[in-house]
Amino acid sequence: MFTAWIWLAAGLLGAILGSIAGYALRRAIARKNTANAEERAAHILEDARQKQQELLQEAKTTRQNLLLEAKEQALKLSEDARREQERRSAELQETQRRLEKRESLFDQKLMELEEKKTQMDEHARQLEASKQDVRKLVEAQTQKLQEIAGLSKEEAEARLMKAVEDESAEALTSRLRKMEDISEEEVEEKSRKILSLAISRFASSQVVDTTTTMVDLPSDDMKGRIIGKEGRNIKAIELQTGTEIIVDDTPGAITISGFSPIRRQVAKRALEALIKDGRIQPARIEEAVADAKKELANDIRKAGEEALYALGIPVSSVDPKLVSILGRLKYRTSYGQNVLQHSLEVAQLSATMAEELGADVFVCKKGGLFHDIGKAVDHDMQGAHPEIGYNIMKKFGFPEEICYQSIAHHEDKPRTIEGAIVKAADAISGARPGARKQSLEQFIQRMEELEKTATSFEGVEKAYAIQAGREVRVFIQPQKIDDLTAYALAKDIARKIEAELQYPGEIRVTVIRETRVVEYAR
């Protein structure tokens, strides 16, 4: 027991001594580690201070270098700016010297011009004074001559001209005939060549196109249905279309009367639709008229586009509104000739003649197509169709040379060769056989007016209108009118026909002077 306690005490003592020894050893190790750490920290701090010093030294050196470079750059820029300024100053001085020199030259020239102007004014005054003196001398000499001769200036001139005419009448007449024959032969040969080529290259229908105003009826009973109860149907049609419906004794047909061909066409289509449908009442009439207007508008637009296609003019180059206005000419006639077909003919003929004469083909073609565009709206606007057409083309941005064609084809002497070509093509299209028609009464009246105009001049024995009014032959009295006066008479008759009569194309005036001597042998 005692031994166990001894061993236990020894063990406890050993444990206590071990603990004390371990604690002392740990403290010794900790002190050693702390000393090492402090030594390493001191080394690190020293290295950091050395690196900081080196960095500061490098930064200081770099800063000094940058400052030096900046100063050098600034000095260089300053030197360049100074040199540029000196160069510009030299240029400005040189420019100023040149301007001063030019100014001195201008002043000198101006002074010379002033001196010349003064001299010219003086010469002009002297010339005017000399003219006055010469005029006075001429008047004085003329007065003396009149006193000596016993004739006035006008009487002397008249006698002199009469003497010259009497002496030279034969020579003048033969010369006029010779020049007229030569010029007529040359002009006629060239014109025949150009016109024959143009007409042969463009062949058109010779059928007269008229705007129909008659509507065929399946039976006469339909007239009563169109009139309606108390005339309400016919009143509704007239109100909607702006036309007058004439129901007379004509079997199987009624007549549409109206100033505008478009309105007549709308009324015709609406009536045909109503007759086909069979329901004729105010409400249905309003629908039929609206449908007819839409259908006609589409037809008009297509007609305008087809005309442009036929001539090779791009539809996109023409305003759609103008295309529709052009299409309206399909339902417009002039002397029974369809105006749209006439415009196509004029455009084709103008283009062909322009190619031969070296004129502007595009201007002639487009101007010829639109030359009568004013007729499409002349029922709704005031003024003549040439001015209306000119304003329409101007409104849609056409060039002046194309717009002028609307006026040129009605002028006696067009200002441009294209205008003369379109005028000639217009006359060809209107004057060709079958193009236009007239009633018998109108034809006889025109023939009588031609003959009456020709016989209204003194010395005319008789006159005959021939070739359907294209020529008038005038027979004169040879005792009263000589050959020289016959030329003047032909021109006077032509001018009077142009001023007083209306006719398509042109009229040839032929004056015939014939002396017949009859003797009998017995």
Protein backbone atom coordinates (compact mmCIF):
# COMPACT_ATOMS: atom_id res chain seq x y z
CA MET A 1 0.00 0.00 0.00
CA PHE A 2 2.73 2.30 1.01
CA THR A 3 4.67 1.38 -2.09
CA ALA A 4 1.70 2.21 -4.32
CA TRP A 5 1.48 5.66 -2.79
CA ILE A 6 5.16 6.15 -3.38
CA TRP A 7 4.78 5.21 -7.02
CA LEU A 8 1.81 7.50 -7.38
CA ALA A 9 3.64 10.40 -5.80
CA ALA A 10 6.61 9.76 -8.05
CA GLY A 11 4.35 9.72 -11.06
CA LEU A 12 2.67 12.96 -10.08
CA LEU A 13 6.02 14.57 -9.41
CA GLY A 14 7.25 13.37 -12.79
CA ALA A 15 4.20 14.75 -14.50
CA ILE A 16 4.56 18.10 -12.76
CA LEU A 17 8.25 18.26 -13.63
CA GLY A 18 7.41 17.31 -17.28
CA SER A 19 4.80 19.98 -17.50
CA ILE A 20 7.16 22.58 -16.11
CA ALA A 21 9.91 21.45 -18.50
CA GLY A 22 7.47 21.51 -21.50
CA TYR A 23 6.24 24.94 -20.58
CA ALA A 24 9.84 26.22 -20.29
CA LEU A 25 10.69 24.61 -23.63
CA ARG A 26 7.63 26.14 -25.37
CA ARG A 27 8.49 29.59 -24.05
CA ALA A 28 12.05 29.23 -25.23
CA ILE A 29 10.86 28.16 -28.69
CA ALA A 30 8.28 31.02 -28.78
CA ARG A 31 10.94 33.58 -27.86
CA LYS A 32 13.19 32.22 -30.59
CA ASN A 33 10.36 32.34 -33.16
CA THR A 34 9.44 35.89 -32.12
CA ALA A 35 13.01 37.03 -32.49
CA ASN A 36 13.21 35.46 -35.94
CA ALA A 37 9.93 37.09 -37.02
CA GLU A 38 11.04 40.49 -35.82
CA GLU A 39 14.32 40.06 -37.63
CA ARG A 40 12.49 39.10 -40.88
CA ALA A 41 10.06 42.03 -40.49
CA ALA A 42 13.00 44.38 -40.04
CA HIS A 43 14.60 43.00 -43.20
CA ILE A 44 11.31 43.41 -45.14
CA LEU A 45 10.89 47.00 -43.93
CA GLU A 46 14.46 47.77 -44.92
CA ASP A 47 13.91 46.29 -48.38
CA ALA A 48 10.71 48.27 -48.75
CA ARG A 49 12.46 51.51 -47.76
CA GLN A 50 15.25 50.83 -50.28
CA LYS A 51 12.71 50.07 -53.09
CA GLN A 52 10.75 53.20 -52.18
CA GLN A 53 13.90 55.28 -52.43
CA GLU A 54 14.72 53.71 -55.79
CA LEU A 55 11.18 54.32 -57.11
CA LEU A 56 11.24 57.90 -55.92
CA GLN A 57 14.58 58.40 -57.62
CA GLU A 58 13.29 56.85 -60.85
CA ALA A 59 10.09 58.97 -60.74
CA LYS A 60 12.14 62.09 -60.18
CA THR A 61 14.37 61.21 -63.12
CA THR A 62 11.38 60.40 -65.36
CA ARG A 63 9.67 63.67 -64.41
CA GLN A 64 12.77 65.64 -65.26
CA ASN A 65 13.02 63.85 -68.62
CA LEU A 66 9.34 64.53 -69.42
CA LEU A 67 9.71 68.18 -68.52
CA LEU A 68 12.71 68.45 -70.78
CA GLU A 69 10.87 66.79 -73.66
CA ALA A 70 7.83 69.01 -73.12
CA LYS A 71 9.99 72.11 -73.14
CA GLU A 72 11.71 70.97 -76.35
CA GLN A 73 8.33 70.23 -78.02
CA ALA A 74 6.96 73.60 -76.92
CA LEU A 75 10.02 75.36 -78.32
CA LYS A 76 9.67 73.47 -81.60
CA LEU A 77 5.95 74.33 -81.93
CA SER A 78 6.65 77.92 -81.10
CA GLU A 79 9.34 78.02 -83.79
CA ASP A 80 7.03 76.41 -86.37
CA ALA A 81 4.23 78.85 -85.52
CA ARG A 82 6.61 81.76 -85.87
CA ARG A 83 7.77 80.53 -89.28
CA GLU A 84 4.16 79.95 -90.45
CA GLN A 85 3.21 83.41 -89.29
CA GLU A 86 6.14 84.92 -91.16
CA ARG A 87 5.20 82.98 -94.31
CA ARG A 88 1.57 84.08 -94.13
CA SER A 89 2.59 87.66 -93.47
CA ALA A 90 4.78 87.55 -96.57
CA GLU A 91 1.90 86.13 -98.63
CA LEU A 92 -0.51 88.75 -97.33
CA GLN A 93 1.97 91.48 -98.15
CA GLU A 94 2.41 90.10 -101.67
CA THR A 95 -1.38 89.84 -102.15
CA GLN A 96 -1.83 93.36 -100.88
CA ARG A 97 0.82 94.60 -103.31
CA ARG A 98 -0.94 92.86 -106.23
CA LEU A 99 -4.33 94.27 -105.18
CA GLU A 100 -2.88 97.75 -104.90
CA LYS A 101 -1.35 97.35 -108.35
CA ARG A 102 -4.65 96.11 -109.83
CA GLU A 103 -6.54 98.91 -108.15
CA SER A 104 -4.20 101.45 -109.66
CA LEU A 105 -4.68 99.81 -113.09
CA PHE A 106 -8.47 99.83 -112.66
CA ASP A 107 -8.38 103.48 -111.72
CA GLN A 108 -6.32 104.19 -114.79
CA LYS A 109 -8.68 102.21 -117.04
CA LEU A 110 -11.69 103.92 -115.48
CA MET A 111 -10.18 107.30 -116.18
CA GLU A 112 -9.48 106.27 -119.78
CA LEU A 113 -13.08 105.04 -120.17
CA GLU A 114 -14.40 108.29 -118.75
CA GLU A 115 -12.27 110.22 -121.21
CA LYS A 116 -13.46 108.02 -124.11
CA LYS A 117 -17.09 108.43 -122.98
CA THR A 118 -16.65 112.16 -122.90
CA GLN A 119 -15.12 112.10 -126.39
CA MET A 120 -17.92 109.86 -127.71
CA ASP A 121 -20.56 112.14 -126.22
CA GLU A 122 -18.89 115.06 -127.92
CA HIS A 123 -18.75 113.17 -131.23
CA ALA A 124 -22.42 112.23 -130.83
CA ARG A 125 -23.35 115.86 -130.27
CA GLN A 126 -21.35 116.85 -133.31
CA LEU A 127 -22.97 114.09 -135.41
CA GLU A 128 -26.44 115.12 -134.28
CA ALA A 129 -25.67 118.71 -135.14
CA SER A 130 -24.35 117.59 -138.55
CA LYS A 131 -27.52 115.51 -139.09
CA GLN A 132 -29.65 118.51 -138.29
CA ASP A 133 -27.69 120.63 -140.77
CA VAL A 134 -27.95 117.92 -143.47
CA ARG A 135 -31.66 117.50 -142.76
CA LYS A 136 -32.20 121.22 -143.14
CA LEU A 137 -30.21 121.27 -146.40
CA VAL A 138 -32.21 118.31 -147.75
CA GLU A 139 -35.49 119.96 -146.78
CA ALA A 140 -34.39 123.18 -148.43
CA GLN A 141 -33.34 121.36 -151.62
CA THR A 142 -36.55 119.33 -151.63
CA GLN A 143 -38.57 122.52 -151.25
CA LYS A 144 -36.70 124.13 -154.15
CA LEU A 145 -37.21 121.03 -156.32
CA GLN A 146 -40.94 120.99 -155.50
CA GLU A 147 -41.19 124.70 -156.38
CA ILE A 148 -39.31 124.17 -159.64
CA ALA A 149 -41.20 121.01 -160.64
CA GLY A 150 -44.57 122.17 -159.37
CA LEU A 151 -45.11 118.78 -157.67
CA SER A 152 -45.18 117.69 -154.05
CA LYS A 153 -42.86 114.96 -152.74
CA GLU A 154 -45.65 112.39 -152.63
CA GLU A 155 -46.77 113.19 -156.18
CA ALA A 156 -43.22 112.92 -157.47
CA GLU A 157 -42.72 109.57 -155.74
CA ALA A 158 -46.01 108.29 -157.13
CA ARG A 159 -45.07 109.35 -160.69
CA LEU A 160 -41.61 107.85 -160.37
CA MET A 161 -42.95 104.54 -159.05
CA LYS A 162 -45.59 104.49 -161.76
CA ALA A 163 -42.98 105.09 -164.44
CA VAL A 164 -40.72 102.36 -163.05
CA GLU A 165 -43.65 99.94 -162.82
CA ASP A 166 -44.73 100.69 -166.40
CA GLU A 167 -41.22 100.29 -167.75
CA SER A 168 -40.33 97.21 -165.70
CA ALA A 169 -43.73 95.47 -165.47
CA GLU A 170 -42.81 92.88 -168.07
CA ALA A 171 -39.39 92.19 -166.52
CA LEU A 172 -40.83 92.02 -163.01
CA THR A 173 -43.61 89.68 -164.08
CA SER A 174 -41.26 87.29 -165.85
CA ARG A 175 -38.84 87.41 -162.92
CA LEU A 176 -41.62 86.70 -160.43
CA ARG A 177 -42.84 83.80 -162.53
CA LYS A 178 -39.34 82.38 -162.82
CA MET A 179 -38.58 82.68 -159.10
CA GLU A 180 -42.01 81.34 -158.19
CA ASP A 181 -41.61 78.34 -160.49
CA ILE A 182 -38.12 77.56 -159.15
CA SER A 183 -39.08 77.93 -155.46
CA GLU A 184 -42.35 76.06 -155.92
CA GLU A 185 -40.62 73.18 -157.69
CA GLU A 186 -37.92 72.84 -155.03
CA VAL A 187 -40.28 73.20 -152.08
CA GLU A 188 -42.90 70.94 -153.60
CA GLU A 189 -40.37 68.23 -154.46
CA LYS A 190 -38.88 68.21 -150.96
CA SER A 191 -42.24 68.45 -149.21
CA ARG A 192 -43.66 65.63 -151.33
CA LYS A 193 -40.70 63.45 -150.44
CA ILE A 194 -41.03 64.07 -146.69
CA LEU A 195 -44.82 63.84 -146.58
CA SER A 196 -44.98 60.72 -148.75
CA LEU A 197 -42.43 59.04 -146.50
CA ALA A 198 -44.28 60.05 -143.32
CA ILE A 199 -47.69 59.02 -144.63
CA SER A 200 -46.42 55.74 -146.09
CA ARG A 201 -44.84 54.80 -142.76
CA PHE A 202 -48.06 55.54 -140.87
CA ALA A 203 -51.29 54.06 -142.17
CA SER A 204 -54.46 54.88 -140.26
CA SER A 205 -58.11 54.02 -140.52
CA GLN A 206 -60.20 56.25 -142.79
CA VAL A 207 -63.47 55.54 -141.02
CA VAL A 208 -65.14 58.57 -139.47
CA ASP A 209 -65.74 58.12 -135.73
CA THR A 210 -68.80 59.86 -134.31
CA THR A 211 -70.06 60.03 -130.77
CA THR A 212 -73.36 58.21 -130.74
CA THR A 213 -76.19 59.70 -128.76
CA MET A 214 -78.76 57.05 -129.62
CA VAL A 215 -79.71 54.19 -127.29
CA ASP A 216 -81.39 51.18 -128.88
CA LEU A 217 -84.46 49.80 -127.10
CA PRO A 218 -85.66 46.19 -127.20
CA SER A 219 -89.22 47.44 -127.66
CA ASP A 220 -91.22 50.66 -127.64
CA ASP A 221 -92.78 49.62 -124.33
CA MET A 222 -89.42 50.37 -122.71
CA LYS A 223 -89.96 54.09 -123.42
CA GLY A 224 -92.80 54.20 -120.92
CA ARG A 225 -90.70 52.44 -118.28
CA ILE A 226 -87.86 54.89 -118.84
CA ILE A 227 -90.23 57.83 -118.45
CA GLY A 228 -91.76 56.32 -115.31
CA LYS A 229 -94.77 57.39 -113.30
CA GLU A 230 -95.28 61.14 -113.73
CA GLY A 231 -91.86 61.24 -115.41
CA ARG A 232 -89.89 60.54 -112.22
CA ASN A 233 -87.51 58.04 -113.87
CA ILE A 234 -86.52 60.26 -116.77
CA LYS A 235 -86.15 63.24 -114.42
CA ALA A 236 -83.86 61.19 -112.16
CA ILE A 237 -81.72 60.15 -115.15
CA GLU A 238 -81.43 63.73 -116.40
CA LEU A 239 -80.60 65.00 -112.93
CA GLN A 240 -77.93 62.37 -112.29
CA THR A 241 -76.24 62.63 -115.70
CA GLY A 242 -76.69 66.31 -116.56
CA THR A 243 -78.14 65.47 -119.98
CA GLU A 244 -81.51 65.66 -121.67
CA ILE A 245 -83.35 62.45 -122.63
CA ILE A 246 -85.46 62.90 -125.75
CA VAL A 247 -88.19 60.32 -126.19
CA ASP A 248 -89.79 60.92 -129.60
CA ASP A 249 -91.50 58.91 -132.28
CA THR A 250 -88.28 57.21 -133.42
CA PRO A 251 -89.03 53.49 -133.25
CA GLY A 252 -86.80 51.37 -131.02
CA ALA A 253 -84.51 54.21 -129.89
CA ILE A 254 -84.22 57.26 -127.66
CA THR A 255 -81.85 60.23 -128.02
CA ILE A 256 -79.43 61.60 -125.42
CA SER A 257 -78.77 65.32 -125.81
CA GLY A 258 -75.98 67.11 -123.98
CA PHE A 259 -73.09 69.48 -124.59
CA SER A 260 -70.48 67.30 -122.86
CA PRO A 261 -69.59 64.02 -124.62
CA ILE A 262 -68.51 62.48 -121.29
CA ARG A 263 -71.93 63.11 -119.76
CA ARG A 264 -73.62 61.67 -122.83
CA GLN A 265 -71.46 58.56 -122.56
CA VAL A 266 -72.29 58.16 -118.85
CA ALA A 267 -76.01 58.48 -119.62
CA LYS A 268 -75.74 55.99 -122.50
CA ARG A 269 -73.98 53.35 -120.39
CA ALA A 270 -76.36 53.84 -117.46
CA LEU A 271 -79.42 53.49 -119.72
CA GLU A 272 -78.02 50.36 -121.36
CA ALA A 273 -77.37 48.83 -117.92
CA LEU A 274 -80.87 49.73 -116.73
CA ILE A 275 -82.47 48.30 -119.87
CA LYS A 276 -80.48 45.09 -119.51
CA ASP A 277 -81.32 44.79 -115.80
CA GLY A 278 -85.01 45.62 -116.30
CA ARG A 279 -85.37 47.42 -112.96
CA ILE A 280 -85.86 51.12 -113.66
CA GLN A 281 -86.52 53.23 -110.57
CA PRO A 282 -84.84 56.29 -108.98
CA ALA A 283 -82.74 54.28 -106.49
CA ARG A 284 -81.57 51.85 -109.17
CA ILE A 285 -80.91 54.75 -111.57
CA GLU A 286 -78.56 56.34 -109.03
CA GLU A 287 -76.63 53.07 -108.67
CA ALA A 288 -76.45 52.58 -112.45
CA VAL A 289 -75.12 56.11 -113.00
CA ALA A 290 -72.46 55.64 -110.28
CA ASP A 291 -71.39 52.31 -111.83
CA ALA A 292 -71.30 53.90 -115.30
CA LYS A 293 -69.06 56.71 -114.02
CA LYS A 294 -66.62 54.21 -112.47
CA GLU A 295 -66.61 52.06 -115.59
CA LEU A 296 -66.09 55.10 -117.82
CA ALA A 297 -63.27 56.40 -115.59
CA ASN A 298 -61.43 53.07 -115.92
CA ASP A 299 -62.04 53.04 -119.66
CA ILE A 300 -60.70 56.61 -119.98
CA ARG A 301 -57.57 55.77 -117.98
CA LYS A 302 -56.91 52.67 -120.09
CA ALA A 303 -57.39 54.66 -123.30
CA GLY A 304 -54.78 57.20 -122.15
CA GLU A 305 -52.32 54.45 -121.18
CA GLU A 306 -52.82 52.64 -124.49
CA ALA A 307 -52.10 55.87 -126.38
CA LEU A 308 -48.82 56.29 -124.48
CA TYR A 309 -47.89 52.63 -125.06
CA ALA A 310 -48.60 52.99 -128.78
CA LEU A 311 -46.09 55.84 -129.04
CA GLY A 312 -43.46 54.26 -126.78
CA ILE A 313 -43.80 56.96 -124.11
CA PRO A 314 -43.36 55.53 -120.57
CA VAL A 315 -46.63 55.77 -118.64
CA SER A 316 -44.68 56.46 -115.44
CA SER A 317 -43.27 59.65 -116.99
CA VAL A 318 -46.76 61.21 -117.22
CA ASP A 319 -48.90 62.18 -114.24
CA PRO A 320 -51.87 59.77 -113.79
CA LYS A 321 -54.30 62.70 -113.80
CA LEU A 322 -52.95 63.85 -117.17
CA VAL A 323 -53.25 60.27 -118.48
CA SER A 324 -56.95 60.34 -117.57
CA ILE A 325 -57.39 63.74 -119.24
CA LEU A 326 -55.74 62.33 -122.38
CA GLY A 327 -58.11 59.35 -122.30
CA ARG A 328 -61.13 61.70 -122.28
CA LEU A 329 -60.25 62.58 -125.89
CA LYS A 330 -61.53 59.12 -126.85
CA TYR A 331 -65.06 60.48 -126.40
CA ARG A 332 -64.36 63.86 -128.05
CA THR A 333 -64.82 64.49 -131.76
CA SER A 334 -63.88 67.36 -134.07
CA TYR A 335 -65.72 67.58 -137.40
CA GLY A 336 -66.67 63.95 -136.78
CA GLN A 337 -63.02 62.86 -136.26
CA ASN A 338 -62.06 61.14 -133.01
CA VAL A 339 -59.64 63.53 -131.27
CA LEU A 340 -57.60 60.81 -129.53
CA GLN A 341 -57.04 58.98 -132.82
CA HIS A 342 -56.24 62.33 -134.44
CA SER A 343 -53.67 63.08 -131.70
CA LEU A 344 -52.00 59.69 -132.24
CA GLU A 345 -51.81 60.35 -135.97
CA VAL A 346 -50.30 63.80 -135.41
CA ALA A 347 -47.71 62.37 -132.99
CA GLN A 348 -46.67 59.61 -135.43
CA LEU A 349 -46.50 61.92 -138.44
CA SER A 350 -44.63 64.60 -136.47
CA ALA A 351 -42.03 62.10 -135.25
CA THR A 352 -41.46 60.76 -138.77
CA MET A 353 -41.07 64.24 -140.29
CA ALA A 354 -38.82 65.33 -137.42
CA GLU A 355 -36.46 62.43 -138.16
CA GLU A 356 -36.19 63.52 -141.80
CA LEU A 357 -35.71 67.22 -140.98
CA GLY A 358 -33.29 66.73 -138.06
CA ALA A 359 -35.67 68.24 -135.48
CA ASP A 360 -36.30 67.06 -131.92
CA VAL A 361 -38.26 63.81 -132.34
CA PHE A 362 -39.29 63.56 -128.67
CA VAL A 363 -40.68 67.11 -128.61
CA CYS A 364 -42.62 66.51 -131.83
CA LYS A 365 -43.98 63.14 -130.66
CA LYS A 366 -45.05 64.24 -127.18
CA GLY A 367 -46.16 67.68 -128.35
CA GLY A 368 -48.18 66.10 -131.18
CA LEU A 369 -49.91 63.71 -128.76
CA PHE A 370 -50.90 66.47 -126.32
CA HIS A 371 -51.43 69.32 -128.82
CA ASP A 372 -55.26 69.03 -128.56
CA ILE A 373 -55.39 68.14 -124.83
CA GLY A 374 -57.39 71.33 -124.24
CA LYS A 375 -60.33 69.80 -126.12
CA ALA A 376 -60.74 67.25 -123.31
CA VAL A 377 -61.92 69.94 -120.89
CA ASP A 378 -62.98 72.84 -123.13
CA HIS A 379 -66.64 72.03 -122.36
CA ASP A 380 -65.99 72.73 -118.66
CA MET A 381 -63.51 75.64 -118.88
CA GLN A 382 -63.58 79.06 -120.51
CA GLY A 383 -61.20 79.92 -123.32
CA ALA A 384 -59.95 78.42 -126.57
CA HIS A 385 -58.52 74.91 -126.48
CA PRO A 386 -54.93 75.96 -127.48
CA GLU A 387 -54.58 78.21 -124.41
CA ILE A 388 -56.32 75.65 -122.19
CA GLY A 389 -53.97 72.91 -123.41
CA TYR A 390 -50.90 75.11 -122.88
CA ASN A 391 -51.95 75.84 -119.29
CA ILE A 392 -52.67 72.14 -118.59
CA MET A 393 -49.23 71.04 -119.81
CA LYS A 394 -47.56 73.84 -117.84
CA LYS A 395 -49.43 72.73 -114.72
CA PHE A 396 -48.12 69.17 -115.08
CA GLY A 397 -44.50 70.31 -115.49
CA PHE A 398 -43.95 69.91 -119.24
CA PRO A 399 -41.02 71.84 -120.79
CA GLU A 400 -41.84 75.05 -122.62
CA GLU A 401 -40.96 73.60 -126.06
CA ILE A 402 -43.59 70.84 -125.59
CA CYS A 403 -46.24 73.16 -124.09
CA TYR A 404 -45.79 75.52 -127.05
CA GLN A 405 -47.06 72.85 -129.48
CA SER A 406 -50.59 73.39 -128.15
CA ILE A 407 -50.46 76.99 -129.43
CA ALA A 408 -48.15 76.47 -132.42
CA HIS A 409 -50.57 74.30 -134.40
CA HIS A 410 -52.98 77.27 -134.60
CA GLU A 411 -50.38 79.97 -135.35
CA ASP A 412 -49.75 81.22 -138.88
CA LYS A 413 -45.97 81.22 -138.40
CA PRO A 414 -44.78 78.97 -135.53
CA ARG A 415 -41.61 80.14 -133.77
CA THR A 416 -39.86 76.74 -133.83
CA ILE A 417 -39.34 74.04 -136.44
CA GLU A 418 -41.04 71.54 -134.11
CA GLY A 419 -44.10 73.82 -134.02
CA ALA A 420 -44.18 73.98 -137.82
CA ILE A 421 -43.90 70.18 -138.03
CA VAL A 422 -46.78 69.62 -135.57
CA LYS A 423 -48.88 72.19 -137.45
CA ALA A 424 -48.24 70.38 -140.75
CA ALA A 425 -49.00 66.97 -139.21
CA ASP A 426 -52.24 68.36 -137.73
CA ALA A 427 -53.30 69.60 -141.16
CA ILE A 428 -52.41 66.26 -142.79
CA SER A 429 -54.37 64.26 -140.24
CA GLY A 430 -57.42 66.50 -140.50
CA ALA A 431 -57.38 66.87 -144.27
CA ARG A 432 -56.82 63.26 -145.35
CA PRO A 433 -59.74 61.51 -147.07
CA GLY A 434 -62.26 60.04 -144.65
CA ALA A 435 -60.90 61.85 -141.59
CA ARG A 436 -63.75 64.27 -141.10
CA LYS A 437 -67.29 64.63 -142.27
CA GLN A 438 -69.70 67.48 -142.87
CA SER A 439 -73.36 67.56 -143.57
CA LEU A 440 -74.47 68.44 -147.10
CA GLU A 441 -75.76 71.82 -145.95
CA GLN A 442 -72.46 72.69 -144.27
CA PHE A 443 -70.48 71.60 -147.31
CA ILE A 444 -72.58 73.69 -149.72
CA GLN A 445 -72.41 76.68 -147.37
CA ARG A 446 -68.60 76.46 -147.18
CA MET A 447 -68.32 76.25 -150.99
CA GLU A 448 -70.58 79.29 -151.40
CA GLU A 449 -68.60 81.29 -148.84
CA LEU A 450 -65.34 80.50 -150.65
CA GLU A 451 -66.69 81.62 -154.00
CA LYS A 452 -68.34 84.70 -152.49
CA THR A 453 -65.08 85.73 -150.79
CA ALA A 454 -63.13 85.40 -154.05
CA THR A 455 -65.68 87.34 -156.16
CA SER A 456 -65.81 90.22 -153.67
CA PHE A 457 -62.64 91.72 -155.19
CA GLU A 458 -62.79 94.16 -158.09
CA GLY A 459 -61.79 92.77 -161.45
CA VAL A 460 -62.83 89.18 -160.63
CA GLU A 461 -65.08 87.75 -163.33
CA LYS A 462 -66.00 84.43 -161.70
CA ALA A 463 -64.70 81.94 -159.12
CA TYR A 464 -65.15 78.22 -158.60
CA ALA A 465 -64.48 76.15 -155.44
CA ILE A 466 -63.17 72.72 -156.44
CA GLN A 467 -61.60 69.62 -154.84
CA ALA A 468 -64.07 69.65 -151.93
CA GLY A 469 -63.09 73.19 -151.04
CA ARG A 470 -59.33 72.57 -151.07
CA GLU A 471 -58.84 74.92 -154.04
CA VAL A 472 -60.58 77.99 -155.41
CA ARG A 473 -59.95 79.06 -159.00
CA VAL A 474 -60.45 82.74 -159.75
CA PHE A 475 -60.88 84.07 -163.29
CA ILE A 476 -60.10 87.77 -163.66
CA GLN A 477 -60.78 90.36 -166.35
CA PRO A 478 -57.53 90.86 -168.29
CA GLN A 479 -58.49 94.41 -169.31
CA LYS A 480 -58.64 95.59 -165.68
CA ILE A 481 -55.89 93.52 -164.02
CA ASP A 482 -52.40 92.94 -165.40
CA ASP A 483 -50.07 90.05 -164.56
CA LEU A 484 -48.25 91.92 -161.78
CA THR A 485 -51.51 92.87 -160.07
CA ALA A 486 -52.70 89.25 -160.32
CA TYR A 487 -49.97 88.19 -157.88
CA ALA A 488 -51.13 90.74 -155.33
CA LEU A 489 -54.77 89.74 -155.89
CA ALA A 490 -54.02 86.07 -155.12
CA LYS A 491 -52.35 87.05 -151.85
CA ASP A 492 -55.24 89.37 -150.89
CA ILE A 493 -57.82 86.62 -151.54
CA ALA A 494 -55.81 84.12 -149.47
CA ARG A 495 -55.50 86.58 -146.57
CA LYS A 496 -59.24 87.32 -146.63
CA ILE A 497 -60.09 83.58 -146.60
CA GLU A 498 -57.74 83.08 -143.62
CA ALA A 499 -59.30 85.99 -141.73
CA GLU A 500 -62.99 85.32 -142.37
CA LEU A 501 -63.53 81.59 -142.99
CA GLN A 502 -63.06 78.47 -140.87
CA TYR A 503 -61.77 75.35 -142.60
CA PRO A 504 -59.55 72.33 -141.91
CA GLY A 505 -56.16 72.09 -143.63
CA GLU A 506 -55.33 74.68 -146.30
CA ILE A 507 -56.96 76.16 -149.41
CA ARG A 508 -55.09 76.80 -152.64
CA VAL A 509 -55.94 80.06 -154.46
CA THR A 510 -55.32 79.97 -158.22
CA VAL A 511 -55.79 83.23 -160.16
CA ILE A 512 -56.18 82.79 -163.94
CA ARG A 513 -55.71 85.69 -166.35
CA GLU A 514 -56.48 84.81 -169.95
CA THR A 515 -56.76 87.01 -173.03
CA ARG A 516 -58.64 85.58 -175.99
CA VAL A 517 -58.69 87.28 -179.37
CA VAL A 518 -61.32 85.97 -181.82
CA GLU A 519 -61.47 86.87 -185.49
CA TYR A 520 -63.47 85.37 -188.34
CA ALA A 521 -62.26 84.77 -191.85
CA ARG A 522 -65.03 85.37 -194.39
